[in-house]
C-alpha atoms as a PDB file:
ATOM      1  CA  MET A   1      67.123  57.401 -96.514  1.00  0.00           C
ATOM      2  CA  SER A   2      63.436  58.170 -96.881  1.00  0.00           C
ATOM      3  CA  THR A   3      62.217  60.877 -99.251  1.00  0.00           C
ATOM      4  CA  PRO A   4      62.745  64.262 -97.524  1.00  0.00           C
ATOM      5  CA  PHE A   5      59.413  65.647 -98.720  1.00  0.00           C
ATOM      6  CA  HIS A   6      56.264  64.695-100.612  1.00  0.00           C
ATOM      7  CA  THR A   7      53.506  66.547-102.447  1.00  0.00           C
ATOM      8  CA  GLN A   8      49.765  66.132-102.713  1.00  0.00           C
ATOM      9  CA  ILE A   9      47.405  68.175-104.910  1.00  0.00           C
ATOM     10  CA  ALA A  10      43.639  68.602-104.525  1.00  0.00           C
ATOM     11  CA  ASP A  11      41.137  71.337-105.401  1.00  0.00           C
ATOM     12  CA  GLY A  12      43.776  73.700-106.735  1.00  0.00           C
ATOM     13  CA  ILE A  13      45.938  73.447-103.601  1.00  0.00           C
ATOM     14  CA  ALA A  14      49.365  71.804-103.604  1.00  0.00           C
ATOM     15  CA  GLU A  15      50.608  70.703-100.204  1.00  0.00           C
ATOM     16  CA  LEU A  16      54.358  70.188 -99.976  1.00  0.00           C
ATOM     17  CA  ILE A  17      55.283  68.417 -96.744  1.00  0.00           C
ATOM     18  CA  ILE A  18      58.893  68.267 -95.494  1.00  0.00           C
ATOM     19  CA  ASN A  19      59.693  65.116 -93.529  1.00  0.00           C
ATOM     20  CA  ARG A  20      63.377  64.528 -92.840  1.00  0.00           C
ATOM     21  CA  PRO A  21      63.819  63.283 -89.264  1.00  0.00           C
ATOM     22  CA  PRO A  22      64.953  64.097 -86.733  1.00  0.00           C
ATOM     23  CA  VAL A  23      64.782  67.890 -87.164  1.00  0.00           C
ATOM     24  CA  ASN A  24      64.016  68.493 -90.864  1.00  0.00           C
ATOM     25  CA  ALA A  25      67.533  69.762 -91.503  1.00  0.00           C
ATOM     26  CA  LEU A  26      68.108  69.510 -95.248  1.00  0.00           C
ATOM     27  CA  ASP A  27      71.367  68.448 -96.842  1.00  0.00           C
ATOM     28  CA  SER A  28      72.475  70.178-100.035  1.00  0.00           C
ATOM     29  CA  ARG A  29      70.888  67.614-102.346  1.00  0.00           C
ATOM     30  CA  SER A  30      67.539  67.629-100.520  1.00  0.00           C
ATOM     31  CA  GLN A  31      67.494  71.427-100.464  1.00  0.00           C
ATOM     32  CA  LEU A  32      68.041  71.645-104.213  1.00  0.00           C
ATOM     33  CA  GLU A  33      65.398  68.989-104.880  1.00  0.00           C
ATOM     34  CA  LEU A  34      62.981  70.976-102.715  1.00  0.00           C
ATOM     35  CA  ALA A  35      63.625  74.088-104.804  1.00  0.00           C
ATOM     36  CA  GLN A  36      63.018  72.128-107.990  1.00  0.00           C
ATOM     37  CA  GLU A  37      59.724  70.759-106.673  1.00  0.00           C
ATOM     38  CA  ILE A  38      58.500  74.209-105.635  1.00  0.00           C
ATOM     39  CA  ASP A  39      59.385  75.488-109.113  1.00  0.00           C
ATOM     40  CA  ARG A  40      57.559  72.553-110.726  1.00  0.00           C
ATOM     41  CA  LEU A  41      54.402  73.156-108.714  1.00  0.00           C
ATOM     42  CA  GLY A  42      54.371  76.746-109.911  1.00  0.00           C
ATOM     43  CA  THR A  43      54.125  75.578-113.531  1.00  0.00           C
ATOM     44  CA  LEU A  44      51.121  73.264-113.080  1.00  0.00           C
ATOM     45  CA  ASP A  45      47.742  74.542-114.256  1.00  0.00           C
ATOM     46  CA  GLU A  46      45.973  72.510-111.576  1.00  0.00           C
ATOM     47  CA  VAL A  47      47.888  74.334-108.831  1.00  0.00           C
ATOM     48  CA  ARG A  48      46.572  77.738-107.776  1.00  0.00           C
ATOM     49  CA  VAL A  49      48.232  78.040-104.373  1.00  0.00           C
ATOM     50  CA  ILE A  50      50.984  76.167-102.510  1.00  0.00           C
ATOM     51  CA  VAL A  51      50.959  75.236 -98.820  1.00  0.00           C
ATOM     52  CA  LEU A  52      54.371  74.297 -97.433  1.00  0.00           C
ATOM     53  CA  ARG A  53      54.470  72.566 -94.052  1.00  0.00           C
ATOM     54  CA  SER A  54      56.380  69.869 -92.167  1.00  0.00           C
ATOM     55  CA  GLU A  55      55.969  66.734 -90.121  1.00  0.00           C
ATOM     56  CA  GLY A  56      57.863  65.921 -86.944  1.00  0.00           C
ATOM     57  CA  ARG A  57      59.287  68.011 -84.114  1.00  0.00           C
ATOM     58  CA  GLY A  58      59.598  71.299 -85.969  1.00  0.00           C
ATOM     59  CA  PHE A  59      59.249  73.070 -89.283  1.00  0.00           C
ATOM     60  CA  CYS A  60      62.881  73.213 -90.399  1.00  0.00           C
ATOM     61  CA  ALA A  61      66.235  73.454 -88.634  1.00  0.00           C
ATOM     62  CA  GLY A  62      67.948  74.778 -91.759  1.00  0.00           C
ATOM     63  CA  VAL A  63      71.004  73.235 -93.383  1.00  0.00           C
ATOM     64  CA  ASP A  64      72.562  69.971 -92.262  1.00  0.00           C
ATOM     65  CA  ILE A  65      75.481  71.193 -90.125  1.00  0.00           C
ATOM     66  CA  LYS A  66      76.871  67.665 -89.887  1.00  0.00           C
ATOM     67  CA  GLU A  67      77.139  67.518 -93.689  1.00  0.00           C
ATOM     68  CA  LEU A  68      79.121  70.769 -93.746  1.00  0.00           C
ATOM     69  CA  ASP A  69      81.327  69.670 -90.849  1.00  0.00           C
ATOM     70  CA  ALA A  70      82.201  66.469 -92.692  1.00  0.00           C
ATOM     71  CA  ASN A  71      82.546  68.153 -96.103  1.00  0.00           C
ATOM     72  CA  PRO A  72      83.684  71.784 -95.737  1.00  0.00           C
ATOM     73  CA  ASP A  73      84.053  72.199 -99.501  1.00  0.00           C
ATOM     74  CA  LEU A  74      80.273  71.927 -99.887  1.00  0.00           C
ATOM     75  CA  ILE A  75      79.694  75.497 -98.665  1.00  0.00           C
ATOM     76  CA  VAL A  76      79.242  76.882-102.204  1.00  0.00           C
ATOM     77  CA  VAL A  77      76.833  74.073-103.103  1.00  0.00           C
ATOM     78  CA  VAL A  78      74.859  74.637 -99.891  1.00  0.00           C
ATOM     79  CA  ASN A  79      74.715  78.390-100.516  1.00  0.00           C
ATOM     80  CA  HIS A  80      73.415  77.745-104.033  1.00  0.00           C
ATOM     81  CA  ALA A  81      70.768  75.293-102.791  1.00  0.00           C
ATOM     82  CA  ASN A  82      69.578  77.758-100.144  1.00  0.00           C
ATOM     83  CA  TYR A  83      69.359  80.558-102.682  1.00  0.00           C
ATOM     84  CA  GLU A  84      67.361  78.419-105.093  1.00  0.00           C
ATOM     85  CA  THR A  85      64.898  77.290-102.418  1.00  0.00           C
ATOM     86  CA  PHE A  86      64.154  80.781-101.123  1.00  0.00           C
ATOM     87  CA  ARG A  87      63.966  82.141-104.675  1.00  0.00           C
ATOM     88  CA  ALA A  88      61.560  79.375-105.689  1.00  0.00           C
ATOM     89  CA  VAL A  89      59.197  80.395-102.878  1.00  0.00           C
ATOM     90  CA  HIS A  90      59.463  84.158-103.310  1.00  0.00           C
ATOM     91  CA  ARG A  91      59.367  84.233-107.115  1.00  0.00           C
ATOM     92  CA  ASN A  92      56.862  81.431-107.554  1.00  0.00           C
ATOM     93  CA  PRO A  93      53.927  82.566-109.716  1.00  0.00           C
ATOM     94  CA  ARG A  94      51.595  80.910-107.191  1.00  0.00           C
ATOM     95  CA  PRO A  95      51.066  82.310-103.688  1.00  0.00           C
ATOM     96  CA  VAL A  96      52.959  80.266-101.091  1.00  0.00           C
ATOM     97  CA  ILE A  97      51.539  79.798 -97.600  1.00  0.00           C
ATOM     98  CA  VAL A  98      54.000  78.449 -95.024  1.00  0.00           C
ATOM     99  CA  ALA A  99      52.545  76.677 -91.980  1.00  0.00           C
ATOM    100  CA  VAL A 100      55.087  76.365 -89.166  1.00  0.00           C
ATOM    101  CA  HIS A 101      55.350  74.617 -85.827  1.00  0.00           C
ATOM    102  CA  GLY A 102      58.157  73.939 -83.373  1.00  0.00           C
ATOM    103  CA  PHE A 103      61.530  75.333 -84.403  1.00  0.00           C
ATOM    104  CA  VAL A 104      61.882  77.626 -87.426  1.00  0.00           C
ATOM    105  CA  LEU A 105      65.643  78.088 -87.728  1.00  0.00           C
ATOM    106  CA  GLY A 106      68.238  79.122 -90.308  1.00  0.00           C
ATOM    107  CA  GLY A 107      66.996  77.911 -93.676  1.00  0.00           C
ATOM    108  CA  GLY A 108      63.543  77.540 -92.159  1.00  0.00           C
ATOM    109  CA  ILE A 109      63.590  81.295 -91.628  1.00  0.00           C
ATOM    110  CA  GLY A 110      64.570  81.761 -95.269  1.00  0.00           C
ATOM    111  CA  ILE A 111      61.589  79.706 -96.432  1.00  0.00           C
ATOM    112  CA  ALA A 112      59.156  81.450 -94.071  1.00  0.00           C
ATOM    113  CA  GLY A 113      60.543  84.892 -94.840  1.00  0.00           C
ATOM    114  CA  ALA A 114      60.285  84.284 -98.578  1.00  0.00           C
ATOM    115  CA  ALA A 115      56.644  83.185 -98.329  1.00  0.00           C
ATOM    116  CA  ASP A 116      53.544  85.240 -99.022  1.00  0.00           C
ATOM    117  CA  ILE A 117      51.655  84.250 -95.870  1.00  0.00           C
ATOM    118  CA  ILE A 118      52.714  82.582 -92.614  1.00  0.00           C
ATOM    119  CA  VAL A 119      50.450  80.517 -90.371  1.00  0.00           C
ATOM    120  CA  ALA A 120      51.862  79.284 -87.063  1.00  0.00           C
ATOM    121  CA  SER A 121      50.985  77.182 -84.071  1.00  0.00           C
ATOM    122  CA  GLU A 122      51.717  78.622 -80.637  1.00  0.00           C
ATOM    123  CA  CYS A 123      54.523  76.094 -80.176  1.00  0.00           C
ATOM    124  CA  ALA A 124      56.536  77.685 -83.008  1.00  0.00           C
ATOM    125  CA  THR A 125      59.710  79.656 -82.323  1.00  0.00           C
ATOM    126  CA  PHE A 126      61.690  81.696 -84.854  1.00  0.00           C
ATOM    127  CA  GLY A 127      65.467  81.938 -84.589  1.00  0.00           C
ATOM    128  CA  VAL A 128      68.690  82.600 -86.482  1.00  0.00           C
ATOM    129  CA  PRO A 129      71.562  80.738 -84.771  1.00  0.00           C
ATOM    130  CA  GLU A 130      73.904  81.505 -87.684  1.00  0.00           C
ATOM    131  CA  VAL A 131      76.464  83.405 -85.584  1.00  0.00           C
ATOM    132  CA  ASP A 132      76.729  80.369 -83.320  1.00  0.00           C
ATOM    133  CA  ARG A 133      77.237  78.121 -86.350  1.00  0.00           C
ATOM    134  CA  GLY A 134      79.951  80.199 -87.992  1.00  0.00           C
ATOM    135  CA  ALA A 135      77.791  81.480 -90.838  1.00  0.00           C
ATOM    136  CA  MET A 136      75.578  84.326 -92.028  1.00  0.00           C
ATOM    137  CA  GLY A 137      72.488  84.480 -94.210  1.00  0.00           C
ATOM    138  CA  GLY A 138      68.740  84.880 -93.869  1.00  0.00           C
ATOM    139  CA  ALA A 139      68.581  88.431 -92.524  1.00  0.00           C
ATOM    140  CA  ALA A 140      67.052  89.731 -95.760  1.00  0.00           C
ATOM    141  CA  HIS A 141      64.228  87.241 -95.351  1.00  0.00           C
ATOM    142  CA  LEU A 142      63.932  87.871 -91.622  1.00  0.00           C
ATOM    143  CA  GLN A 143      63.508  91.596 -92.313  1.00  0.00           C
ATOM    144  CA  ARG A 144      60.424  90.785 -94.387  1.00  0.00           C
ATOM    145  CA  MET A 145      58.977  89.461 -91.126  1.00  0.00           C
ATOM    146  CA  PHE A 146      60.296  91.642 -88.301  1.00  0.00           C
ATOM    147  CA  PRO A 147      61.548  95.219 -87.674  1.00  0.00           C
ATOM    148  CA  VAL A 148      65.237  95.948 -88.221  1.00  0.00           C
ATOM    149  CA  GLN A 149      66.205  96.225 -84.551  1.00  0.00           C
ATOM    150  CA  LYS A 150      64.394  92.998 -83.680  1.00  0.00           C
ATOM    151  CA  VAL A 151      66.294  91.241 -86.464  1.00  0.00           C
ATOM    152  CA  ARG A 152      69.613  92.535 -85.167  1.00  0.00           C
ATOM    153  CA  HIS A 153      68.831  91.483 -81.619  1.00  0.00           C
ATOM    154  CA  MET A 154      67.946  88.002 -82.841  1.00  0.00           C
ATOM    155  CA  TYR A 155      71.130  87.818 -84.923  1.00  0.00           C
ATOM    156  CA  PHE A 156      73.579  89.116 -82.326  1.00  0.00           C
ATOM    157  CA  THR A 157      72.170  87.152 -79.376  1.00  0.00           C
ATOM    158  CA  GLY A 158      70.969  84.022 -81.153  1.00  0.00           C
ATOM    159  CA  GLU A 159      67.765  84.262 -79.113  1.00  0.00           C
ATOM    160  CA  ALA A 160      64.566  82.976 -80.701  1.00  0.00           C
ATOM    161  CA  ILE A 161      61.148  84.601 -80.407  1.00  0.00           C
ATOM    162  CA  THR A 162      57.801  82.913 -79.916  1.00  0.00           C
ATOM    163  CA  ALA A 163      54.986  82.581 -82.417  1.00  0.00           C
ATOM    164  CA  THR A 164      52.876  84.776 -80.161  1.00  0.00           C
ATOM    165  CA  GLU A 165      55.459  87.564 -80.399  1.00  0.00           C
ATOM    166  CA  ALA A 166      55.758  87.023 -84.163  1.00  0.00           C
ATOM    167  CA  TYR A 167      51.990  87.379 -84.433  1.00  0.00           C
ATOM    168  CA  ARG A 168      52.093  90.596 -82.386  1.00  0.00           C
ATOM    169  CA  LEU A 169      54.746  91.985 -84.732  1.00  0.00           C
ATOM    170  CA  GLY A 170      52.641  91.175 -87.786  1.00  0.00           C
ATOM    171  CA  ALA A 171      54.747  88.404 -89.333  1.00  0.00           C
ATOM    172  CA  VAL A 172      52.168  85.690 -88.690  1.00  0.00           C
ATOM    173  CA  GLU A 173      48.736  85.984 -90.311  1.00  0.00           C
ATOM    174  CA  LYS A 174      47.010  83.262 -88.294  1.00  0.00           C
ATOM    175  CA  LEU A 175      47.993  81.835 -84.913  1.00  0.00           C
ATOM    176  CA  VAL A 176      46.494  78.550 -83.733  1.00  0.00           C
ATOM    177  CA  LYS A 177      46.687  76.767 -80.404  1.00  0.00           C
ATOM    178  CA  SER A 178      48.251  73.512 -81.533  1.00  0.00           C
ATOM    179  CA  LYS A 179      50.001  71.792 -84.417  1.00  0.00           C
ATOM    180  CA  ASP A 180      46.858  69.725 -84.989  1.00  0.00           C
ATOM    181  CA  GLU A 181      44.992  72.878 -86.074  1.00  0.00           C
ATOM    182  CA  LEU A 182      47.765  74.152 -88.319  1.00  0.00           C
ATOM    183  CA  ARG A 183      47.012  72.371 -91.585  1.00  0.00           C
ATOM    184  CA  GLU A 184      43.346  73.334 -91.613  1.00  0.00           C
ATOM    185  CA  ALA A 185      44.163  76.958 -90.756  1.00  0.00           C
ATOM    186  CA  ALA A 186      46.481  77.103 -93.777  1.00  0.00           C
ATOM    187  CA  LEU A 187      43.937  75.385 -96.003  1.00  0.00           C
ATOM    188  CA  VAL A 188      41.198  77.846 -95.050  1.00  0.00           C
ATOM    189  CA  ILE A 189      43.330  80.664 -96.460  1.00  0.00           C
ATOM    190  CA  ALA A 190      44.454  78.553 -99.414  1.00  0.00           C
ATOM    191  CA  ARG A 191      40.866  77.773-100.426  1.00  0.00           C
ATOM    192  CA  LYS A 192      40.004  81.474-100.520  1.00  0.00           C
ATOM    193  CA  ILE A 193      42.946  82.136-102.825  1.00  0.00           C
ATOM    194  CA  ALA A 194      42.275  79.072-104.996  1.00  0.00           C
ATOM    195  CA  ALA A 195      38.746  80.362-105.659  1.00  0.00           C
ATOM    196  CA  LYS A 196      40.089  83.564-107.244  1.00  0.00           C
ATOM    197  CA  SER A 197      41.105  84.135-110.851  1.00  0.00           C
ATOM    198  CA  PRO A 198      44.496  82.420-111.347  1.00  0.00           C
ATOM    199  CA  ALA A 199      45.536  85.101-113.832  1.00  0.00           C
ATOM    200  CA  MET A 200      44.688  87.942-111.454  1.00  0.00           C
ATOM    201  CA  ILE A 201      46.477  86.268-108.539  1.00  0.00           C
ATOM    202  CA  ALA A 202      49.610  85.743-110.659  1.00  0.00           C
ATOM    203  CA  ILE A 203      49.567  89.377-111.729  1.00  0.00           C
ATOM    204  CA  ALA A 204      49.028  90.468-108.135  1.00  0.00           C
ATOM    205  CA  LYS A 205      51.979  88.446-106.858  1.00  0.00           C
ATOM    206  CA  GLU A 206      54.348  89.752-109.520  1.00  0.00           C
ATOM    207  CA  SER A 207      53.179  93.284-108.802  1.00  0.00           C
ATOM    208  CA  LEU A 208      53.589  92.919-105.038  1.00  0.00           C
ATOM    209  CA  ASN A 209      57.088  91.472-105.437  1.00  0.00           C
ATOM    210  CA  GLY A 210      57.988  94.409-107.652  1.00  0.00           C
ATOM    211  CA  VAL A 211      56.991  97.078-105.152  1.00  0.00           C
ATOM    212  CA  GLU A 212      58.976  95.594-102.268  1.00  0.00           C
ATOM    213  CA  ASP A 213      61.811  97.643-100.838  1.00  0.00           C
ATOM    214  CA  GLY A 214      64.767  96.363-102.812  1.00  0.00           C
ATOM    215  CA  ASN A 215      65.367  93.029-104.503  1.00  0.00           C
ATOM    216  CA  LEU A 216      65.201  90.147-102.009  1.00  0.00           C
ATOM    217  CA  GLU A 217      67.353  87.824-104.075  1.00  0.00           C
ATOM    218  CA  ASP A 218      70.053  90.479-104.613  1.00  0.00           C
ATOM    219  CA  LYS A 219      70.104  91.237-100.881  1.00  0.00           C
ATOM    220  CA  TYR A 220      70.468  87.558-100.074  1.00  0.00           C
ATOM    221  CA  ARG A 221      73.340  87.253-102.559  1.00  0.00           C
ATOM    222  CA  TRP A 222      75.064  90.099-100.683  1.00  0.00           C
ATOM    223  CA  GLU A 223      74.631  88.187 -97.433  1.00  0.00           C
ATOM    224  CA  GLN A 224      76.009  85.006 -98.962  1.00  0.00           C
ATOM    225  CA  GLY A 225      79.297  86.727 -99.688  1.00  0.00           C
ATOM    226  CA  PHE A 226      79.643  87.291 -95.951  1.00  0.00           C
ATOM    227  CA  THR A 227      78.520  83.727 -95.297  1.00  0.00           C
ATOM    228  CA  LEU A 228      81.529  82.518 -97.274  1.00  0.00           C
ATOM    229  CA  GLN A 229      83.827  84.995 -95.482  1.00  0.00           C
ATOM    230  CA  ALA A 230      82.548  83.814 -92.113  1.00  0.00           C
ATOM    231  CA  TYR A 231      82.775  80.171 -93.116  1.00  0.00           C
ATOM    232  CA  LEU A 232      86.447  80.485 -94.064  1.00  0.00           C
ATOM    233  CA  HIS A 233      87.370  82.038 -90.693  1.00  0.00           C
ATOM    234  CA  PRO A 234      89.071  79.639 -88.245  1.00  0.00           C
ATOM    235  CA  GLU A 235      86.499  80.385 -85.552  1.00  0.00           C
ATOM    236  CA  SER A 236      83.737  79.203 -87.892  1.00  0.00           C
ATOM    237  CA  ALA A 237      85.117  75.668 -87.958  1.00  0.00           C
ATOM    238  CA  GLU A 238      85.193  75.680 -84.152  1.00  0.00           C
ATOM    239  CA  THR A 239      81.502  76.604 -83.964  1.00  0.00           C
ATOM    240  CA  ARG A 240      80.535  73.694 -86.227  1.00  0.00           C
ATOM    241  CA  ARG A 241      82.776  71.236 -84.429  1.00  0.00           C
ATOM    242  CA  ALA A 242      81.346  72.307 -81.065  1.00  0.00           C
ATOM    243  CA  PHE A 243      77.812  71.869 -82.404  1.00  0.00           C
ATOM    244  CA  VAL A 244      78.525  68.344 -83.654  1.00  0.00           C
ATOM    245  CA  GLU A 245      80.304  67.432 -80.405  1.00  0.00           C
ATOM    246  CA  LYS A 246      77.498  69.000 -78.333  1.00  0.00           C
ATOM    247  CA  ARG A 247      79.773  71.316 -76.340  1.00  0.00           C
ATOM    248  CA  ASP A 248      80.323  75.039 -75.942  1.00  0.00           C
ATOM    249  CA  ALA A 249      82.547  76.661 -78.545  1.00  0.00           C
ATOM    250  CA  LYS A 250      85.875  78.026 -77.329  1.00  0.00           C
ATOM    251  CA  PHE A 251      87.354  81.252 -78.742  1.00  0.00           C
END
């Protein structure tokens, strides 16, 4: 299996690029390695800002459902890996810009919702299909992006929203026409941040995290308790089996 992501650093900007075909769904090991790399980048003096983006059809389809279907006992490991990834983005001492295209689902929402700034191409869609996969999780991060009622509608229906709508609601800072424009749009913002005092930016990020409404990581831990409850329900296994078999779930 090819490396699920790679990093390049230039002019104070670290670009972390996810590339795990076909849909950038990350298994538990890849997710934990991603968290470790984000943490590492935050310790490097030559890094002043991080840009996280993806290759392929979409930004990130979340966890690898096929891995969980084949190994149900991995749920605790997967939960831990998700937590660490989102925490690494949100608590990173460097600002994190997430540049998204195509599908932004499940764990992709967690990464985007944990970020400081989101840039999107018009082809991007944001969704939380957790209910249809027999799980929970990510609402705390989604509520950093969208109003409460919009989040609940997305959760209960499983319906995604477009990048244009996300931009209208204020979640997306910059909207570009195509994926080809996405990297440069993110780098334009990154260069402005990289030119600032690293010490002042670090202080600013810690301060801004501290004045948020509640503790994001604690709220996500609360959700993960319900993720485990949902996962252990018999209907949860049916949702995953139906997904793998590409059929409608039966309840």
